[in-house]
């Protein structure tokens, strides 16, 4: 379900994870960047939407587990 939703968003969009808004850019052909693709050194690159979805789900779980630790 997440993969299908991400595929419909197009080549540039942002997702909200916790209190953070995360910029996503890319294409199926060249992969997906978390952050700004033009600043590749500070961006994270994923080859497929499946990888990107996995990372975003894990990030949301990690942020959720930090809520009670503060």
PDB file of N, CA and C in Angstrom:
ATOM      1  N   UNK A   1       0.822  -1.191   0.000  1.00  0.00           N
ATOM      2  CA  UNK A   1       0.000   0.000   0.000  1.00  0.00           C
ATOM      3  C   UNK A   1       0.869   1.259   0.000  1.00  0.00           C
ATOM      4  N   UNK A   2       1.908   1.331   0.831  1.00  0.00           N
ATOM      5  CA  UNK A   2       2.771   2.510   0.878  1.00  0.00           C
ATOM      6  C   UNK A   2       3.453   2.727  -0.464  1.00  0.00           C
ATOM      7  N   UNK A   3       3.945   1.644  -1.088  1.00  0.00           N
ATOM      8  CA  UNK A   3       4.608   1.736  -2.384  1.00  0.00           C
ATOM      9  C   UNK A   3       3.673   2.373  -3.411  1.00  0.00           C
ATOM     10  N   UNK A   4       2.426   1.948  -3.469  1.00  0.00           N
ATOM     11  CA  UNK A   4       1.448   2.487  -4.424  1.00  0.00           C
ATOM     12  C   UNK A   4       1.195   3.962  -4.156  1.00  0.00           C
ATOM     13  N   UNK A   5       1.087   4.341  -2.905  1.00  0.00           N
ATOM     14  CA  UNK A   5       0.862   5.744  -2.563  1.00  0.00           C
ATOM     15  C   UNK A   5       2.053   6.599  -2.960  1.00  0.00           C
ATOM     16  N   UNK A   6       3.275   6.134  -2.704  1.00  0.00           N
ATOM     17  CA  UNK A   6       4.467   6.888  -3.092  1.00  0.00           C
ATOM     18  C   UNK A   6       4.560   7.030  -4.602  1.00  0.00           C
ATOM     19  N   UNK A   7       4.241   5.975  -5.349  1.00  0.00           N
ATOM     20  CA  UNK A   7       4.338   6.005  -6.804  1.00  0.00           C
ATOM     21  C   UNK A   7       3.414   7.060  -7.406  1.00  0.00           C
ATOM     22  N   UNK A   8       2.307   7.349  -6.783  1.00  0.00           N
ATOM     23  CA  UNK A   8       1.341   8.325  -7.300  1.00  0.00           C
ATOM     24  C   UNK A   8       1.767   9.767  -7.057  1.00  0.00           C
ATOM     25  N   UNK A   9       2.753   9.994  -6.193  1.00  0.00           N
ATOM     26  CA  UNK A   9       3.112  11.355  -5.802  1.00  0.00           C
ATOM     27  C   UNK A   9       3.964  12.100  -6.822  1.00  0.00           C
ATOM     28  N   UNK A  10       4.640  11.406  -7.715  1.00  0.00           N
ATOM     29  CA  UNK A  10       5.454  12.069  -8.722  1.00  0.00           C
ATOM     30  C   UNK A  10       6.911  12.185  -8.324  1.00  0.00           C
ATOM     31  N   UNK A  11       7.699  12.970  -9.086  1.00  0.00           N
ATOM     32  CA  UNK A  11       9.152  13.013  -8.905  1.00  0.00           C
ATOM     33  C   UNK A  11       9.648  13.856  -7.728  1.00  0.00           C
ATOM     34  N   UNK A  12       8.817  14.695  -7.156  1.00  0.00           N
ATOM     35  CA  UNK A  12       9.244  15.512  -6.008  1.00  0.00           C
ATOM     36  C   UNK A  12       8.066  15.691  -5.062  1.00  0.00           C
ATOM     37  N   UNK A  13       8.274  15.318  -3.826  1.00  0.00           N
ATOM     38  CA  UNK A  13       7.210  15.442  -2.833  1.00  0.00           C
ATOM     39  C   UNK A  13       7.842  15.454  -1.455  1.00  0.00           C
ATOM     40  N   UNK A  14       7.061  15.697  -0.445  1.00  0.00           N
ATOM     41  CA  UNK A  14       7.571  15.611   0.916  1.00  0.00           C
ATOM     42  C   UNK A  14       6.651  14.699   1.717  1.00  0.00           C
ATOM     43  N   UNK A  15       7.235  14.055   2.699  1.00  0.00           N
ATOM     44  CA  UNK A  15       6.473  13.190   3.588  1.00  0.00           C
ATOM     45  C   UNK A  15       6.660  13.692   5.006  1.00  0.00           C
ATOM     46  N   UNK A  16       5.673  13.479   5.818  1.00  0.00           N
ATOM     47  CA  UNK A  16       5.750  13.892   7.213  1.00  0.00           C
ATOM     48  C   UNK A  16       5.997  12.654   8.051  1.00  0.00           C
ATOM     49  N   UNK A  17       7.079  12.686   8.809  1.00  0.00           N
ATOM     50  CA  UNK A  17       7.419  11.597   9.728  1.00  0.00           C
ATOM     51  C   UNK A  17       7.595  12.241  11.095  1.00  0.00           C
ATOM     52  N   UNK A  18       6.678  11.961  11.985  1.00  0.00           N
ATOM     53  CA  UNK A  18       6.697  12.636  13.284  1.00  0.00           C
ATOM     54  C   UNK A  18       6.476  14.122  13.077  1.00  0.00           C
ATOM     55  N   UNK A  19       7.356  14.932  13.624  1.00  0.00           N
ATOM     56  CA  UNK A  19       7.267  16.386  13.463  1.00  0.00           C
ATOM     57  C   UNK A  19       8.068  16.889  12.270  1.00  0.00           C
ATOM     58  N   UNK A  20       8.755  15.996  11.580  1.00  0.00           N
ATOM     59  CA  UNK A  20       9.640  16.370  10.480  1.00  0.00           C
ATOM     60  C   UNK A  20       8.939  16.268   9.131  1.00  0.00           C
ATOM     61  N   UNK A  21       9.234  17.205   8.240  1.00  0.00           N
ATOM     62  CA  UNK A  21       8.819  17.132   6.841  1.00  0.00           C
ATOM     63  C   UNK A  21      10.076  16.802   6.036  1.00  0.00           C
ATOM     64  N   UNK A  22      10.046  15.690   5.314  1.00  0.00           N
ATOM     65  CA  UNK A  22      11.229  15.197   4.617  1.00  0.00           C
ATOM     66  C   UNK A  22      11.012  15.301   3.118  1.00  0.00           C
ATOM     67  N   UNK A  23      11.932  15.987   2.421  1.00  0.00           N
ATOM     68  CA  UNK A  23      11.850  16.151   0.971  1.00  0.00           C
ATOM     69  C   UNK A  23      12.332  14.878   0.280  1.00  0.00           C
ATOM     70  N   UNK A  24      11.589  14.449  -0.737  1.00  0.00           N
ATOM     71  CA  UNK A  24      11.934  13.285  -1.547  1.00  0.00           C
ATOM     72  C   UNK A  24      11.952  13.732  -3.007  1.00  0.00           C
ATOM     73  N   UNK A  25      12.988  13.336  -3.743  1.00  0.00           N
ATOM     74  CA  UNK A  25      13.078  13.629  -5.172  1.00  0.00           C
ATOM     75  C   UNK A  25      13.591  12.403  -5.886  1.00  0.00           C
ATOM     76  N   UNK A  26      13.164  12.213  -7.134  1.00  0.00           N
ATOM     77  CA  UNK A  26      13.728  11.120  -7.907  1.00  0.00           C
ATOM     78  C   UNK A  26      12.796  10.574  -8.973  1.00  0.00           C
ATOM     79  N   UNK A  27      13.250   9.492  -9.571  1.00  0.00           N
ATOM     80  CA  UNK A  27      12.485   8.792 -10.591  1.00  0.00           C
ATOM     81  C   UNK A  27      12.767   7.302 -10.456  1.00  0.00           C
ATOM     82  N   UNK A  28      11.922   6.509 -11.070  1.00  0.00           N
ATOM     83  CA  UNK A  28      12.130   5.070 -11.070  1.00  0.00           C
ATOM     84  C   UNK A  28      13.424   4.724 -11.785  1.00  0.00           C
ATOM     85  N   UNK A  29      13.774   5.483 -12.808  1.00  0.00           N
ATOM     86  CA  UNK A  29      14.973   5.222 -13.601  1.00  0.00           C
ATOM     87  C   UNK A  29      16.263   5.526 -12.843  1.00  0.00           C
ATOM     88  N   UNK A  30      16.308   6.648 -12.110  1.00  0.00           N
ATOM     89  CA  UNK A  30      17.547   7.095 -11.465  1.00  0.00           C
ATOM     90  C   UNK A  30      17.589   6.873  -9.964  1.00  0.00           C
ATOM     91  N   UNK A  31      16.499   6.494  -9.365  1.00  0.00           N
ATOM     92  CA  UNK A  31      16.460   6.274  -7.930  1.00  0.00           C
ATOM     93  C   UNK A  31      15.849   7.455  -7.196  1.00  0.00           C
ATOM     94  N   UNK A  32      15.814   7.357  -5.890  1.00  0.00           N
ATOM     95  CA  UNK A  32      15.141   8.337  -5.038  1.00  0.00           C
ATOM     96  C   UNK A  32      16.102   8.898  -4.011  1.00  0.00           C
ATOM     97  N   UNK A  33      16.036  10.208  -3.816  1.00  0.00           N
ATOM     98  CA  UNK A  33      16.894  10.910  -2.870  1.00  0.00           C
ATOM     99  C   UNK A  33      16.054  11.446  -1.718  1.00  0.00           C
ATOM    100  N   UNK A  34      16.522  11.219  -0.510  1.00  0.00           N
ATOM    101  CA  UNK A  34      15.934  11.837   0.666  1.00  0.00           C
ATOM    102  C   UNK A  34      16.800  13.044   0.948  1.00  0.00           C
ATOM    103  N   UNK A  35      16.224  14.195   0.867  1.00  0.00           N
ATOM    104  CA  UNK A  35      16.982  15.437   0.957  1.00  0.00           C
ATOM    105  C   UNK A  35      17.004  16.082  -0.417  1.00  0.00           C
ATOM    106  N   UNK A  36      18.044  16.798  -0.719  1.00  0.00           N
ATOM    107  CA  UNK A  36      18.138  17.496  -2.003  1.00  0.00           C
ATOM    108  C   UNK A  36      19.102  16.762  -2.917  1.00  0.00           C
ATOM    109  N   UNK A  37      18.616  16.290  -4.051  1.00  0.00           N
ATOM    110  CA  UNK A  37      19.428  15.506  -4.986  1.00  0.00           C
ATOM    111  C   UNK A  37      20.638  16.293  -5.494  1.00  0.00           C
ATOM    112  N   UNK A  38      20.507  17.615  -5.618  1.00  0.00           N
ATOM    113  CA  UNK A  38      21.632  18.409  -6.117  1.00  0.00           C
ATOM    114  C   UNK A  38      22.762  18.498  -5.096  1.00  0.00           C
ATOM    115  N   UNK A  39      22.496  18.139  -3.863  1.00  0.00           N
ATOM    116  CA  UNK A  39      23.529  18.098  -2.824  1.00  0.00           C
ATOM    117  C   UNK A  39      23.769  16.643  -2.436  1.00  0.00           C
ATOM    118  N   UNK A  40      24.184  15.843  -3.426  1.00  0.00           N
ATOM    119  CA  UNK A  40      24.284  14.398  -3.242  1.00  0.00           C
ATOM    120  C   UNK A  40      25.093  13.985  -2.025  1.00  0.00           C
ATOM    121  N   UNK A  41      26.099  14.730  -1.655  1.00  0.00           N
ATOM    122  CA  UNK A  41      26.934  14.347  -0.516  1.00  0.00           C
ATOM    123  C   UNK A  41      26.134  14.322   0.781  1.00  0.00           C
ATOM    124  N   UNK A  42      25.099  15.166   0.872  1.00  0.00           N
ATOM    125  CA  UNK A  42      24.304  15.194   2.095  1.00  0.00           C
ATOM    126  C   UNK A  42      22.949  14.522   1.924  1.00  0.00           C
ATOM    127  N   UNK A  43      22.748  13.827   0.812  1.00  0.00           N
ATOM    128  CA  UNK A  43      21.489  13.158   0.544  1.00  0.00           C
ATOM    129  C   UNK A  43      21.640  11.652   0.702  1.00  0.00           C
ATOM    130  N   UNK A  44      20.537  11.001   0.945  1.00  0.00           N
ATOM    131  CA  UNK A  44      20.511   9.551   0.979  1.00  0.00           C
ATOM    132  C   UNK A  44      19.825   9.077  -0.284  1.00  0.00           C
ATOM    133  N   UNK A  45      20.398   8.095  -0.965  1.00  0.00           N
ATOM    134  CA  UNK A  45      19.907   7.622  -2.251  1.00  0.00           C
ATOM    135  C   UNK A  45      19.404   6.186  -2.126  1.00  0.00           C
ATOM    136  N   UNK A  46      18.229   5.925  -2.684  1.00  0.00           N
ATOM    137  CA  UNK A  46      17.645   4.582  -2.690  1.00  0.00           C
ATOM    138  C   UNK A  46      17.250   4.229  -4.111  1.00  0.00           C
ATOM    139  N   UNK A  47      17.535   3.015  -4.523  1.00  0.00           N
ATOM    140  CA  UNK A  47      17.328   2.594  -5.909  1.00  0.00           C
ATOM    141  C   UNK A  47      15.856   2.433  -6.273  1.00  0.00           C
ATOM    142  N   UNK A  48      15.031   2.005  -5.326  1.00  0.00           N
ATOM    143  CA  UNK A  48      13.630   1.720  -5.647  1.00  0.00           C
ATOM    144  C   UNK A  48      12.689   2.354  -4.625  1.00  0.00           C
ATOM    145  N   UNK A  49      11.423   2.442  -5.004  1.00  0.00           N
ATOM    146  CA  UNK A  49      10.416   2.919  -4.063  1.00  0.00           C
ATOM    147  C   UNK A  49      10.241   1.946  -2.901  1.00  0.00           C
ATOM    148  N   UNK A  50      10.473   0.664  -3.151  1.00  0.00           N
ATOM    149  CA  UNK A  50      10.390  -0.317  -2.067  1.00  0.00           C
ATOM    150  C   UNK A  50      11.415   0.000  -0.982  1.00  0.00           C
ATOM    151  N   UNK A  51      12.653   0.301  -1.379  1.00  0.00           N
ATOM    152  CA  UNK A  51      13.692   0.667  -0.409  1.00  0.00           C
ATOM    153  C   UNK A  51      13.309   1.940   0.337  1.00  0.00           C
ATOM    154  N   UNK A  52      12.821   2.922  -0.403  1.00  0.00           N
ATOM    155  CA  UNK A  52      12.425   4.190   0.194  1.00  0.00           C
ATOM    156  C   UNK A  52      11.304   3.978   1.211  1.00  0.00           C
ATOM    157  N   UNK A  53      10.292   3.200   0.856  1.00  0.00           N
ATOM    158  CA  UNK A  53       9.178   2.928   1.768  1.00  0.00           C
ATOM    159  C   UNK A  53       9.688   2.241   3.031  1.00  0.00           C
ATOM    160  N   UNK A  54      10.584   1.271   2.886  1.00  0.00           N
ATOM    161  CA  UNK A  54      11.153   0.548   4.024  1.00  0.00           C
ATOM    162  C   UNK A  54      11.868   1.519   4.970  1.00  0.00           C
ATOM    163  N   UNK A  55      12.655   2.420   4.405  1.00  0.00           N
ATOM    164  CA  UNK A  55      13.397   3.397   5.210  1.00  0.00           C
ATOM    165  C   UNK A  55      12.439   4.333   5.943  1.00  0.00           C
ATOM    166  N   UNK A  56      11.426   4.825   5.247  1.00  0.00           N
ATOM    167  CA  UNK A  56      10.487   5.757   5.875  1.00  0.00           C
ATOM    168  C   UNK A  56       9.684   5.086   6.987  1.00  0.00           C
ATOM    169  N   UNK A  57       9.301   3.842   6.789  1.00  0.00           N
ATOM    170  CA  UNK A  57       8.567   3.112   7.831  1.00  0.00           C
ATOM    171  C   UNK A  57       9.467   2.908   9.047  1.00  0.00           C
ATOM    172  N   UNK A  58      10.715   2.493   8.818  1.00  0.00           N
ATOM    173  CA  UNK A  58      11.644   2.302   9.945  1.00  0.00           C
ATOM    174  C   UNK A  58      11.929   3.611  10.666  1.00  0.00           C
ATOM    175  N   UNK A  59      12.054   4.690   9.910  1.00  0.00           N
ATOM    176  CA  UNK A  59      12.280   6.003  10.529  1.00  0.00           C
ATOM    177  C   UNK A  59      11.107   6.394  11.405  1.00  0.00           C
ATOM    178  N   UNK A  60       9.901   6.165  10.923  1.00  0.00           N
ATOM    179  CA  UNK A  60       8.719   6.530  11.714  1.00  0.00           C
ATOM    180  C   UNK A  60       8.643   5.687  12.983  1.00  0.00           C
ATOM    181  N   UNK A  61       9.017   4.412  12.902  1.00  0.00           N
ATOM    182  CA  UNK A  61       9.028   3.552  14.093  1.00  0.00           C
ATOM    183  C   UNK A  61      10.102   3.990  15.082  1.00  0.00           C
ATOM    184  N   UNK A  62      11.271   4.363  14.567  1.00  0.00           N
ATOM    185  CA  UNK A  62      12.358   4.817  15.437  1.00  0.00           C
ATOM    186  C   UNK A  62      11.990   6.112  16.147  1.00  0.00           C
ATOM    187  N   UNK A  63      11.380   7.032  15.424  1.00  0.00           N
ATOM    188  CA  UNK A  63      10.968   8.295  16.044  1.00  0.00           C
ATOM    189  C   UNK A  63       9.874   8.065  17.063  1.00  0.00           C
ATOM    190  N   UNK A  64       8.980   7.119  16.789  1.00  0.00           N
ATOM    191  CA  UNK A  64       7.911   6.800  17.720  1.00  0.00           C
ATOM    192  C   UNK A  64       8.429   6.195  19.011  1.00  0.00           C
ATOM    193  N   UNK A  65       9.493   5.405  18.923  1.00  0.00           N
ATOM    194  CA  UNK A  65      10.049   4.791  20.134  1.00  0.00           C
ATOM    195  C   UNK A  65      10.842   5.794  20.958  1.00  0.00           C
ATOM    196  N   UNK A  66      11.292   6.901  20.353  1.00  0.00           N
ATOM    197  CA  UNK A  66      12.041   7.928  21.083  1.00  0.00           C
ATOM    198  C   UNK A  66      11.126   8.825  21.910  1.00  0.00           C
ATOM    199  N   UNK A  67       9.836   8.825  21.633  1.00  0.00           N
ATOM    200  CA  UNK A  67       8.909   9.718  22.316  1.00  0.00           C
ATOM    201  C   UNK A  67       8.913   9.469  23.813  1.00  0.00           C
ATOM    202  N   UNK A  68       8.901   8.209  24.235  1.00  0.00           N
ATOM    203  CA  UNK A  68       8.854   7.909  25.658  1.00  0.00           C
ATOM    204  C   UNK A  68      10.201   7.949  26.357  1.00  0.00           C
ATOM    205  N   UNK A  69      11.300   8.079  25.595  1.00  0.00           N
ATOM    206  CA  UNK A  69      12.623   8.047  26.210  1.00  0.00           C
ATOM    207  C   UNK A  69      13.134   9.392  26.698  1.00  0.00           C
ATOM    208  N   UNK A  70      12.486  10.470  26.339  1.00  0.00           N
ATOM    209  CA  UNK A  70      13.019  11.791  26.676  1.00  0.00           C
ATOM    210  C   UNK A  70      12.856  12.154  28.111  1.00  0.00           C
TER     211      UNK A  70
END
